[in-house]
ModelCIF file with pLDDT and N, C-alpha, C, O atoms, coordinates in Angstrom:
data_MODEL
#
_entry.id   MODEL 
#
_entity.id                         1 
_entity.type                       polymer 
_entity.pdbx_number_of_molecules   1 
#
_entity_poly.entity_id                      1 
_entity_poly.type                           'polypeptide(L)' 
_entity_poly.nstd_linkage                   no 
_entity_poly.nstd_monomer                   no 
_entity_poly.pdbx_seq_one_letter_code       SKAIQDAVTSFINEQRLLHRQTGKKAGVLVMVYDHTIKGLEDDLIE 
_entity_poly.pdbx_seq_one_letter_code_can   SKAIQDAVTSFINEQRLLHRQTGKKAGVLVMVYDHTIKGLEDDLIE 
_entity_poly.pdbx_strand_id                 A 
#
loop_
_entity_poly_seq.entity_id 
_entity_poly_seq.num 
_entity_poly_seq.mon_id 
_entity_poly_seq.hetero 
1 1  SER n 
1 2  LYS n 
1 3  ALA n 
1 4  ILE n 
1 5  GLN n 
1 6  ASP n 
1 7  ALA n 
1 8  VAL n 
1 9  THR n 
1 10 SER n 
1 11 PHE n 
1 12 ILE n 
1 13 ASN n 
1 14 GLU n 
1 15 GLN n 
1 16 ARG n 
1 17 LEU n 
1 18 LEU n 
1 19 HIS n 
1 20 ARG n 
1 21 GLN n 
1 22 THR n 
1 23 GLY n 
1 24 LYS n 
1 25 LYS n 
1 26 ALA n 
1 27 GLY n 
1 28 VAL n 
1 29 LEU n 
1 30 VAL n 
1 31 MET n 
1 32 VAL n 
1 33 TYR n 
1 34 ASP n 
1 35 HIS n 
1 36 THR n 
1 37 ILE n 
1 38 LYS n 
1 39 GLY n 
1 40 LEU n 
1 41 GLU n 
1 42 ASP n 
1 43 ASP n 
1 44 LEU n 
1 45 ILE n 
1 46 GLU n 
#
_struct_asym.id          A 
_struct_asym.entity_id   1 
#
loop_
_ma_qa_metric.id 
_ma_qa_metric.mode 
_ma_qa_metric.name 
_ma_qa_metric.software_group_id 
_ma_qa_metric.type 
1 global pLDDT . pLDDT 
2 local  pLDDT . pLDDT 
#
_ma_qa_metric_global.metric_id      1 
_ma_qa_metric_global.metric_value   87.52 
_ma_qa_metric_global.model_id       1 
_ma_qa_metric_global.ordinal_id     1 
#
loop_
_ma_qa_metric_local.label_asym_id 
_ma_qa_metric_local.label_comp_id 
_ma_qa_metric_local.label_seq_id 
_ma_qa_metric_local.metric_id 
_ma_qa_metric_local.metric_value 
_ma_qa_metric_local.model_id 
_ma_qa_metric_local.ordinal_id 
A SER 1  2 92.00 1 1  
A LYS 2  2 91.00 1 2  
A ALA 3  2 91.00 1 3  
A ILE 4  2 92.00 1 4  
A GLN 5  2 90.00 1 5  
A ASP 6  2 87.00 1 6  
A ALA 7  2 87.00 1 7  
A VAL 8  2 88.00 1 8  
A THR 9  2 82.00 1 9  
A SER 10 2 79.00 1 10 
A PHE 11 2 80.00 1 11 
A ILE 12 2 79.00 1 12 
A ASN 13 2 70.00 1 13 
A GLU 14 2 72.00 1 14 
A GLN 15 2 73.00 1 15 
A ARG 16 2 72.00 1 16 
A LEU 17 2 64.00 1 17 
A LEU 18 2 67.00 1 18 
A HIS 19 2 73.00 1 19 
A ARG 20 2 78.00 1 20 
A GLN 21 2 78.00 1 21 
A THR 22 2 83.00 1 22 
A GLY 23 2 87.00 1 23 
A LYS 24 2 91.00 1 24 
A LYS 25 2 88.00 1 25 
A ALA 26 2 92.00 1 26 
A GLY 27 2 91.00 1 27 
A VAL 28 2 95.00 1 28 
A LEU 29 2 95.00 1 29 
A VAL 30 2 96.00 1 30 
A MET 31 2 97.00 1 31 
A VAL 32 2 97.00 1 32 
A TYR 33 2 97.00 1 33 
A ASP 34 2 97.00 1 34 
A HIS 35 2 94.00 1 35 
A THR 36 2 96.00 1 36 
A ILE 37 2 96.00 1 37 
A LYS 38 2 95.00 1 38 
A GLY 39 2 95.00 1 39 
A LEU 40 2 96.00 1 40 
A GLU 41 2 94.00 1 41 
A ASP 42 2 94.00 1 42 
A ASP 43 2 94.00 1 43 
A LEU 44 2 94.00 1 44 
A ILE 45 2 93.00 1 45 
A GLU 46 2 94.00 1 46 
#
loop_
_atom_site.group_PDB 
_atom_site.id 
_atom_site.type_symbol 
_atom_site.label_atom_id 
_atom_site.label_alt_id 
_atom_site.label_comp_id 
_atom_site.label_asym_id 
_atom_site.label_entity_id 
_atom_site.label_seq_id 
_atom_site.pdbx_PDB_ins_code 
_atom_site.Cartn_x 
_atom_site.Cartn_y 
_atom_site.Cartn_z 
_atom_site.occupancy 
_atom_site.B_iso_or_equiv 
_atom_site.pdbx_formal_charge 
_atom_site.auth_seq_id 
_atom_site.auth_comp_id 
_atom_site.auth_asym_id 
_atom_site.auth_atom_id 
_atom_site.pdbx_PDB_model_num 
ATOM 1   N N  . SER A 1 1  ? -21.107 34.415 -18.099 1.00 92.00 ? 1  SER A N  1 
ATOM 2   C CA . SER A 1 1  ? -21.102 35.582 -17.217 1.00 92.00 ? 1  SER A CA 1 
ATOM 3   C C  . SER A 1 1  ? -22.389 36.394 -17.352 1.00 92.00 ? 1  SER A C  1 
ATOM 4   O O  . SER A 1 1  ? -22.967 36.810 -16.348 1.00 92.00 ? 1  SER A O  1 
ATOM 5   N N  . LYS A 1 2  ? -22.833 36.619 -18.570 1.00 91.00 ? 2  LYS A N  1 
ATOM 6   C CA . LYS A 1 2  ? -24.052 37.401 -18.795 1.00 91.00 ? 2  LYS A CA 1 
ATOM 7   C C  . LYS A 1 2  ? -25.262 36.682 -18.195 1.00 91.00 ? 2  LYS A C  1 
ATOM 8   O O  . LYS A 1 2  ? -26.119 37.321 -17.585 1.00 91.00 ? 2  LYS A O  1 
ATOM 9   N N  . ALA A 1 3  ? -25.336 35.367 -18.363 1.00 91.00 ? 3  ALA A N  1 
ATOM 10  C CA . ALA A 1 3  ? -26.450 34.604 -17.797 1.00 91.00 ? 3  ALA A CA 1 
ATOM 11  C C  . ALA A 1 3  ? -26.431 34.678 -16.275 1.00 91.00 ? 3  ALA A C  1 
ATOM 12  O O  . ALA A 1 3  ? -27.476 34.845 -15.646 1.00 91.00 ? 3  ALA A O  1 
ATOM 13  N N  . ILE A 1 4  ? -25.253 34.554 -15.686 1.00 92.00 ? 4  ILE A N  1 
ATOM 14  C CA . ILE A 1 4  ? -25.145 34.631 -14.221 1.00 92.00 ? 4  ILE A CA 1 
ATOM 15  C C  . ILE A 1 4  ? -25.486 36.038 -13.746 1.00 92.00 ? 4  ILE A C  1 
ATOM 16  O O  . ILE A 1 4  ? -26.142 36.193 -12.717 1.00 92.00 ? 4  ILE A O  1 
ATOM 17  N N  . GLN A 1 5  ? -25.056 37.058 -14.469 1.00 90.00 ? 5  GLN A N  1 
ATOM 18  C CA . GLN A 1 5  ? -25.417 38.439 -14.101 1.00 90.00 ? 5  GLN A CA 1 
ATOM 19  C C  . GLN A 1 5  ? -26.932 38.616 -14.102 1.00 90.00 ? 5  GLN A C  1 
ATOM 20  O O  . GLN A 1 5  ? -27.483 39.224 -13.184 1.00 90.00 ? 5  GLN A O  1 
ATOM 21  N N  . ASP A 1 6  ? -27.613 38.090 -15.127 1.00 87.00 ? 6  ASP A N  1 
ATOM 22  C CA . ASP A 1 6  ? -29.071 38.189 -15.197 1.00 87.00 ? 6  ASP A CA 1 
ATOM 23  C C  . ASP A 1 6  ? -29.728 37.443 -14.035 1.00 87.00 ? 6  ASP A C  1 
ATOM 24  O O  . ASP A 1 6  ? -30.693 37.927 -13.445 1.00 87.00 ? 6  ASP A O  1 
ATOM 25  N N  . ALA A 1 7  ? -29.197 36.262 -13.713 1.00 87.00 ? 7  ALA A N  1 
ATOM 26  C CA . ALA A 1 7  ? -29.755 35.474 -12.609 1.00 87.00 ? 7  ALA A CA 1 
ATOM 27  C C  . ALA A 1 7  ? -29.574 36.195 -11.279 1.00 87.00 ? 7  ALA A C  1 
ATOM 28  O O  . ALA A 1 7  ? -30.488 36.215 -10.455 1.00 87.00 ? 7  ALA A O  1 
ATOM 29  N N  . VAL A 1 8  ? -28.412 36.781 -11.068 1.00 88.00 ? 8  VAL A N  1 
ATOM 30  C CA . VAL A 1 8  ? -28.156 37.521 -9.823  1.00 88.00 ? 8  VAL A CA 1 
ATOM 31  C C  . VAL A 1 8  ? -29.048 38.760 -9.752  1.00 88.00 ? 8  VAL A C  1 
ATOM 32  O O  . VAL A 1 8  ? -29.571 39.084 -8.685  1.00 88.00 ? 8  VAL A O  1 
ATOM 33  N N  . THR A 1 9  ? -29.222 39.442 -10.855 1.00 82.00 ? 9  THR A N  1 
ATOM 34  C CA . THR A 1 9  ? -30.119 40.607 -10.877 1.00 82.00 ? 9  THR A CA 1 
ATOM 35  C C  . THR A 1 9  ? -31.536 40.204 -10.516 1.00 82.00 ? 9  THR A C  1 
ATOM 36  O O  . THR A 1 9  ? -32.198 40.890 -9.738  1.00 82.00 ? 9  THR A O  1 
ATOM 37  N N  . SER A 1 10 ? -32.004 39.102 -11.073 1.00 79.00 ? 10 SER A N  1 
ATOM 38  C CA . SER A 1 10 ? -33.339 38.598 -10.766 1.00 79.00 ? 10 SER A CA 1 
ATOM 39  C C  . SER A 1 10 ? -33.466 38.260 -9.282  1.00 79.00 ? 10 SER A C  1 
ATOM 40  O O  . SER A 1 10 ? -34.467 38.597 -8.650  1.00 79.00 ? 10 SER A O  1 
ATOM 41  N N  . PHE A 1 11 ? -32.460 37.598 -8.732  1.00 80.00 ? 11 PHE A N  1 
ATOM 42  C CA . PHE A 1 11 ? -32.442 37.240 -7.318  1.00 80.00 ? 11 PHE A CA 1 
ATOM 43  C C  . PHE A 1 11 ? -32.500 38.487 -6.439  1.00 80.00 ? 11 PHE A C  1 
ATOM 44  O O  . PHE A 1 11 ? -33.277 38.541 -5.486  1.00 80.00 ? 11 PHE A O  1 
ATOM 45  N N  . ILE A 1 12 ? -31.688 39.479 -6.755  1.00 79.00 ? 12 ILE A N  1 
ATOM 46  C CA . ILE A 1 12 ? -31.655 40.719 -5.973  1.00 79.00 ? 12 ILE A CA 1 
ATOM 47  C C  . ILE A 1 12 ? -33.017 41.412 -6.029  1.00 79.00 ? 12 ILE A C  1 
ATOM 48  O O  . ILE A 1 12 ? -33.533 41.846 -4.999  1.00 79.00 ? 12 ILE A O  1 
ATOM 49  N N  . ASN A 1 13 ? -33.596 41.517 -7.216  1.00 70.00 ? 13 ASN A N  1 
ATOM 50  C CA . ASN A 1 13 ? -34.899 42.172 -7.357  1.00 70.00 ? 13 ASN A CA 1 
ATOM 51  C C  . ASN A 1 13 ? -35.976 41.454 -6.563  1.00 70.00 ? 13 ASN A C  1 
ATOM 52  O O  . ASN A 1 13 ? -36.781 42.100 -5.891  1.00 70.00 ? 13 ASN A O  1 
ATOM 53  N N  . GLU A 1 14 ? -36.004 40.113 -6.630  1.00 72.00 ? 14 GLU A N  1 
ATOM 54  C CA . GLU A 1 14 ? -37.004 39.345 -5.895  1.00 72.00 ? 14 GLU A CA 1 
ATOM 55  C C  . GLU A 1 14 ? -36.837 39.532 -4.391  1.00 72.00 ? 14 GLU A C  1 
ATOM 56  O O  . GLU A 1 14 ? -37.817 39.718 -3.669  1.00 72.00 ? 14 GLU A O  1 
ATOM 57  N N  . GLN A 1 15 ? -35.596 39.482 -3.923  1.00 73.00 ? 15 GLN A N  1 
ATOM 58  C CA . GLN A 1 15 ? -35.348 39.617 -2.488  1.00 73.00 ? 15 GLN A CA 1 
ATOM 59  C C  . GLN A 1 15 ? -35.673 41.024 -1.997  1.00 73.00 ? 15 GLN A C  1 
ATOM 60  O O  . GLN A 1 15 ? -36.238 41.189 -0.915  1.00 73.00 ? 15 GLN A O  1 
ATOM 61  N N  . ARG A 1 16 ? -35.323 42.030 -2.779  1.00 72.00 ? 16 ARG A N  1 
ATOM 62  C CA . ARG A 1 16 ? -35.636 43.406 -2.378  1.00 72.00 ? 16 ARG A CA 1 
ATOM 63  C C  . ARG A 1 16 ? -37.141 43.614 -2.302  1.00 72.00 ? 16 ARG A C  1 
ATOM 64  O O  . ARG A 1 16 ? -37.638 44.251 -1.374  1.00 72.00 ? 16 ARG A O  1 
ATOM 65  N N  . LEU A 1 17 ? -37.865 43.079 -3.277  1.00 64.00 ? 17 LEU A N  1 
ATOM 66  C CA . LEU A 1 17 ? -39.315 43.202 -3.267  1.00 64.00 ? 17 LEU A CA 1 
ATOM 67  C C  . LEU A 1 17 ? -39.894 42.521 -2.028  1.00 64.00 ? 17 LEU A C  1 
ATOM 68  O O  . LEU A 1 17 ? -40.740 43.093 -1.340  1.00 64.00 ? 17 LEU A O  1 
ATOM 69  N N  . LEU A 1 18 ? -39.442 41.311 -1.748  1.00 67.00 ? 18 LEU A N  1 
ATOM 70  C CA . LEU A 1 18 ? -39.930 40.586 -0.585  1.00 67.00 ? 18 LEU A CA 1 
ATOM 71  C C  . LEU A 1 18 ? -39.576 41.321 0.703   1.00 67.00 ? 18 LEU A C  1 
ATOM 72  O O  . LEU A 1 18 ? -40.402 41.393 1.614   1.00 67.00 ? 18 LEU A O  1 
ATOM 73  N N  . HIS A 1 19 ? -38.376 41.862 0.797   1.00 73.00 ? 19 HIS A N  1 
ATOM 74  C CA . HIS A 1 19 ? -37.925 42.506 2.031   1.00 73.00 ? 19 HIS A CA 1 
ATOM 75  C C  . HIS A 1 19 ? -38.550 43.874 2.268   1.00 73.00 ? 19 HIS A C  1 
ATOM 76  O O  . HIS A 1 19 ? -38.554 44.360 3.399   1.00 73.00 ? 19 HIS A O  1 
ATOM 77  N N  . ARG A 1 20 ? -39.068 44.490 1.240   1.00 78.00 ? 20 ARG A N  1 
ATOM 78  C CA . ARG A 1 20 ? -39.657 45.821 1.402   1.00 78.00 ? 20 ARG A CA 1 
ATOM 79  C C  . ARG A 1 20 ? -41.172 45.784 1.576   1.00 78.00 ? 20 ARG A C  1 
ATOM 80  O O  . ARG A 1 20 ? -41.799 46.817 1.813   1.00 78.00 ? 20 ARG A O  1 
ATOM 81  N N  . GLN A 1 21 ? -41.752 44.607 1.461   1.00 78.00 ? 21 GLN A N  1 
ATOM 82  C CA . GLN A 1 21 ? -43.199 44.476 1.599   1.00 78.00 ? 21 GLN A CA 1 
ATOM 83  C C  . GLN A 1 21 ? -43.593 44.685 3.064   1.00 78.00 ? 21 GLN A C  1 
ATOM 84  O O  . GLN A 1 21 ? -42.876 44.268 3.974   1.00 78.00 ? 21 GLN A O  1 
ATOM 85  N N  . THR A 1 22 ? -44.730 45.329 3.277   1.00 83.00 ? 22 THR A N  1 
ATOM 86  C CA . THR A 1 22 ? -45.282 45.497 4.620   1.00 83.00 ? 22 THR A CA 1 
ATOM 87  C C  . THR A 1 22 ? -46.784 45.270 4.551   1.00 83.00 ? 22 THR A C  1 
ATOM 88  O O  . THR A 1 22 ? -47.374 45.286 3.470   1.00 83.00 ? 22 THR A O  1 
ATOM 89  N N  . GLY A 1 23 ? -47.395 45.061 5.703   1.00 87.00 ? 23 GLY A N  1 
ATOM 90  C CA . GLY A 1 23 ? -48.841 44.895 5.771   1.00 87.00 ? 23 GLY A CA 1 
ATOM 91  C C  . GLY A 1 23 ? -49.274 43.483 5.471   1.00 87.00 ? 23 GLY A C  1 
ATOM 92  O O  . GLY A 1 23 ? -48.461 42.558 5.463   1.00 87.00 ? 23 GLY A O  1 
ATOM 93  N N  . LYS A 1 24 ? -50.559 43.319 5.225   1.00 91.00 ? 24 LYS A N  1 
ATOM 94  C CA . LYS A 1 24 ? -51.143 42.004 4.970   1.00 91.00 ? 24 LYS A CA 1 
ATOM 95  C C  . LYS A 1 24 ? -50.910 41.605 3.514   1.00 91.00 ? 24 LYS A C  1 
ATOM 96  O O  . LYS A 1 24 ? -51.174 42.383 2.596   1.00 91.00 ? 24 LYS A O  1 
ATOM 97  N N  . LYS A 1 25 ? -50.418 40.399 3.317   1.00 88.00 ? 25 LYS A N  1 
ATOM 98  C CA . LYS A 1 25 ? -50.095 39.877 1.994   1.00 88.00 ? 25 LYS A CA 1 
ATOM 99  C C  . LYS A 1 25 ? -50.598 38.448 1.877   1.00 88.00 ? 25 LYS A C  1 
ATOM 100 O O  . LYS A 1 25 ? -50.947 37.813 2.872   1.00 88.00 ? 25 LYS A O  1 
ATOM 101 N N  . ALA A 1 26 ? -50.629 37.952 0.651   1.00 92.00 ? 26 ALA A N  1 
ATOM 102 C CA . ALA A 1 26 ? -50.946 36.556 0.382   1.00 92.00 ? 26 ALA A CA 1 
ATOM 103 C C  . ALA A 1 26 ? -50.046 36.111 -0.756  1.00 92.00 ? 26 ALA A C  1 
ATOM 104 O O  . ALA A 1 26 ? -49.546 36.930 -1.528  1.00 92.00 ? 26 ALA A O  1 
ATOM 105 N N  . GLY A 1 27 ? -49.850 34.820 -0.850  1.00 91.00 ? 27 GLY A N  1 
ATOM 106 C CA . GLY A 1 27 ? -49.021 34.331 -1.938  1.00 91.00 ? 27 GLY A CA 1 
ATOM 107 C C  . GLY A 1 27 ? -48.625 32.886 -1.759  1.00 91.00 ? 27 GLY A C  1 
ATOM 108 O O  . GLY A 1 27 ? -49.235 32.137 -0.997  1.00 91.00 ? 27 GLY A O  1 
ATOM 109 N N  . VAL A 1 28 ? -47.578 32.513 -2.490  1.00 95.00 ? 28 VAL A N  1 
ATOM 110 C CA . VAL A 1 28 ? -47.086 31.139 -2.471  1.00 95.00 ? 28 VAL A CA 1 
ATOM 111 C C  . VAL A 1 28 ? -45.560 31.163 -2.404  1.00 95.00 ? 28 VAL A C  1 
ATOM 112 O O  . VAL A 1 28 ? -44.904 31.928 -3.110  1.00 95.00 ? 28 VAL A O  1 
ATOM 113 N N  . LEU A 1 29 ? -45.017 30.319 -1.549  1.00 95.00 ? 29 LEU A N  1 
ATOM 114 C CA . LEU A 1 29 ? -43.583 30.063 -1.509  1.00 95.00 ? 29 LEU A CA 1 
ATOM 115 C C  . LEU A 1 29 ? -43.383 28.686 -2.125  1.00 95.00 ? 29 LEU A C  1 
ATOM 116 O O  . LEU A 1 29 ? -43.951 27.707 -1.642  1.00 95.00 ? 29 LEU A O  1 
ATOM 117 N N  . VAL A 1 30 ? -42.591 28.597 -3.176  1.00 96.00 ? 30 VAL A N  1 
ATOM 118 C CA . VAL A 1 30 ? -42.359 27.332 -3.858  1.00 96.00 ? 30 VAL A CA 1 
ATOM 119 C C  . VAL A 1 30 ? -40.888 26.964 -3.675  1.00 96.00 ? 30 VAL A C  1 
ATOM 120 O O  . VAL A 1 30 ? -39.988 27.736 -4.003  1.00 96.00 ? 30 VAL A O  1 
ATOM 121 N N  . MET A 1 31 ? -40.676 25.775 -3.148  1.00 97.00 ? 31 MET A N  1 
ATOM 122 C CA . MET A 1 31 ? -39.335 25.365 -2.772  1.00 97.00 ? 31 MET A CA 1 
ATOM 123 C C  . MET A 1 31 ? -39.024 23.979 -3.329  1.00 97.00 ? 31 MET A C  1 
ATOM 124 O O  . MET A 1 31 ? -39.875 23.089 -3.324  1.00 97.00 ? 31 MET A O  1 
ATOM 125 N N  . VAL A 1 32 ? -37.788 23.809 -3.812  1.00 97.00 ? 32 VAL A N  1 
ATOM 126 C CA . VAL A 1 32 ? -37.286 22.496 -4.212  1.00 97.00 ? 32 VAL A CA 1 
ATOM 127 C C  . VAL A 1 32 ? -36.141 22.169 -3.269  1.00 97.00 ? 32 VAL A C  1 
ATOM 128 O O  . VAL A 1 32 ? -35.247 22.984 -3.040  1.00 97.00 ? 32 VAL A O  1 
ATOM 129 N N  . TYR A 1 33 ? -36.187 20.950 -2.724  1.00 97.00 ? 33 TYR A N  1 
ATOM 130 C CA . TYR A 1 33 ? -35.134 20.573 -1.783  1.00 97.00 ? 33 TYR A CA 1 
ATOM 131 C C  . TYR A 1 33 ? -34.769 19.100 -1.912  1.00 97.00 ? 33 TYR A C  1 
ATOM 132 O O  . TYR A 1 33 ? -35.515 18.293 -2.466  1.00 97.00 ? 33 TYR A O  1 
ATOM 133 N N  . ASP A 1 34 ? -33.594 18.782 -1.381  1.00 97.00 ? 34 ASP A N  1 
ATOM 134 C CA . ASP A 1 34 ? -33.065 17.424 -1.382  1.00 97.00 ? 34 ASP A CA 1 
ATOM 135 C C  . ASP A 1 34 ? -33.455 16.764 -0.068  1.00 97.00 ? 34 ASP A C  1 
ATOM 136 O O  . ASP A 1 34 ? -32.874 17.065 0.975   1.00 97.00 ? 34 ASP A O  1 
ATOM 137 N N  . HIS A 1 35 ? -34.425 15.875 -0.110  1.00 94.00 ? 35 HIS A N  1 
ATOM 138 C CA . HIS A 1 35 ? -34.934 15.300 1.134   1.00 94.00 ? 35 HIS A CA 1 
ATOM 139 C C  . HIS A 1 35 ? -33.971 14.286 1.756   1.00 94.00 ? 35 HIS A C  1 
ATOM 140 O O  . HIS A 1 35 ? -34.222 13.795 2.856   1.00 94.00 ? 35 HIS A O  1 
ATOM 141 N N  . THR A 1 36 ? -32.868 13.967 1.062   1.00 96.00 ? 36 THR A N  1 
ATOM 142 C CA . THR A 1 36 ? -31.896 13.040 1.639   1.00 96.00 ? 36 THR A CA 1 
ATOM 143 C C  . THR A 1 36 ? -30.921 13.729 2.597   1.00 96.00 ? 36 THR A C  1 
ATOM 144 O O  . THR A 1 36 ? -30.136 13.063 3.271   1.00 96.00 ? 36 THR A O  1 
ATOM 145 N N  . ILE A 1 37 ? -30.972 15.053 2.656   1.00 96.00 ? 37 ILE A N  1 
ATOM 146 C CA . ILE A 1 37 ? -30.112 15.792 3.597   1.00 96.00 ? 37 ILE A CA 1 
ATOM 147 C C  . ILE A 1 37 ? -30.636 15.554 5.013   1.00 96.00 ? 37 ILE A C  1 
ATOM 148 O O  . ILE A 1 37 ? -31.783 15.876 5.324   1.00 96.00 ? 37 ILE A O  1 
ATOM 149 N N  . LYS A 1 38 ? -29.795 14.996 5.853   1.00 95.00 ? 38 LYS A N  1 
ATOM 150 C CA . LYS A 1 38 ? -30.189 14.620 7.211   1.00 95.00 ? 38 LYS A CA 1 
ATOM 151 C C  . LYS A 1 38 ? -30.729 15.823 7.991   1.00 95.00 ? 38 LYS A C  1 
ATOM 152 O O  . LYS A 1 38 ? -30.071 16.858 8.101   1.00 95.00 ? 38 LYS A O  1 
ATOM 153 N N  . GLY A 1 39 ? -31.932 15.662 8.523   1.00 95.00 ? 39 GLY A N  1 
ATOM 154 C CA . GLY A 1 39 ? -32.543 16.672 9.368   1.00 95.00 ? 39 GLY A CA 1 
ATOM 155 C C  . GLY A 1 39 ? -33.280 17.782 8.631   1.00 95.00 ? 39 GLY A C  1 
ATOM 156 O O  . GLY A 1 39 ? -33.972 18.586 9.256   1.00 95.00 ? 39 GLY A O  1 
ATOM 157 N N  . LEU A 1 40 ? -33.138 17.833 7.311   1.00 96.00 ? 40 LEU A N  1 
ATOM 158 C CA . LEU A 1 40 ? -33.746 18.932 6.563   1.00 96.00 ? 40 LEU A CA 1 
ATOM 159 C C  . LEU A 1 40 ? -35.264 18.928 6.663   1.00 96.00 ? 40 LEU A C  1 
ATOM 160 O O  . LEU A 1 40 ? -35.864 19.958 6.970   1.00 96.00 ? 40 LEU A O  1 
ATOM 161 N N  . GLU A 1 41 ? -35.894 17.789 6.410   1.00 94.00 ? 41 GLU A N  1 
ATOM 162 C CA . GLU A 1 41 ? -37.362 17.746 6.455   1.00 94.00 ? 41 GLU A CA 1 
ATOM 163 C C  . GLU A 1 41 ? -37.883 18.112 7.842   1.00 94.00 ? 41 GLU A C  1 
ATOM 164 O O  . GLU A 1 41 ? -38.878 18.827 7.959   1.00 94.00 ? 41 GLU A O  1 
ATOM 165 N N  . ASP A 1 42 ? -37.225 17.632 8.887   1.00 94.00 ? 42 ASP A N  1 
ATOM 166 C CA . ASP A 1 42 ? -37.640 17.988 10.250  1.00 94.00 ? 42 ASP A CA 1 
ATOM 167 C C  . ASP A 1 42 ? -37.540 19.492 10.474  1.00 94.00 ? 42 ASP A C  1 
ATOM 168 O O  . ASP A 1 42 ? -38.430 20.097 11.072  1.00 94.00 ? 42 ASP A O  1 
ATOM 169 N N  . ASP A 1 43 ? -36.447 20.098 9.988   1.00 94.00 ? 43 ASP A N  1 
ATOM 170 C CA . ASP A 1 43 ? -36.278 21.548 10.137  1.00 94.00 ? 43 ASP A CA 1 
ATOM 171 C C  . ASP A 1 43 ? -37.351 22.318 9.377   1.00 94.00 ? 43 ASP A C  1 
ATOM 172 O O  . ASP A 1 43 ? -37.898 23.293 9.893   1.00 94.00 ? 43 ASP A O  1 
ATOM 173 N N  . LEU A 1 44 ? -37.656 21.884 8.149   1.00 94.00 ? 44 LEU A N  1 
ATOM 174 C CA . LEU A 1 44 ? -38.668 22.573 7.349   1.00 94.00 ? 44 LEU A CA 1 
ATOM 175 C C  . LEU A 1 44 ? -40.034 22.485 8.024   1.00 94.00 ? 44 LEU A C  1 
ATOM 176 O O  . LEU A 1 44 ? -40.783 23.461 8.046   1.00 94.00 ? 44 LEU A O  1 
ATOM 177 N N  . ILE A 1 45 ? -40.354 21.325 8.568   1.00 93.00 ? 45 ILE A N  1 
ATOM 178 C CA . ILE A 1 45 ? -41.631 21.175 9.286   1.00 93.00 ? 45 ILE A CA 1 
ATOM 179 C C  . ILE A 1 45 ? -41.643 22.065 10.523  1.00 93.00 ? 45 ILE A C  1 
ATOM 180 O O  . ILE A 1 45 ? -42.658 22.691 10.827  1.00 93.00 ? 45 ILE A O  1 
ATOM 181 N N  . GLU A 1 46 ? -40.532 22.123 11.231  1.00 94.00 ? 46 GLU A N  1 
ATOM 182 C CA . GLU A 1 46 ? -40.448 22.982 12.422  1.00 94.00 ? 46 GLU A CA 1 
ATOM 183 C C  . GLU A 1 46 ? -40.654 24.455 12.051  1.00 94.00 ? 46 GLU A C  1 
ATOM 184 O O  . GLU A 1 46 ? -40.617 25.322 12.923  1.00 94.00 ? 46 GLU A O  1 
#
């Protein structure tokens, strides 16, 4: 429970920071995905 609480807190903080940003920014989005999911790669490219 404590580990999940910490993970959820981290998620909330990251999302709030991202959602409150305005103006010109730079950075990196790093994503891990299962490429065997039908249509996923096409959607990501789109």
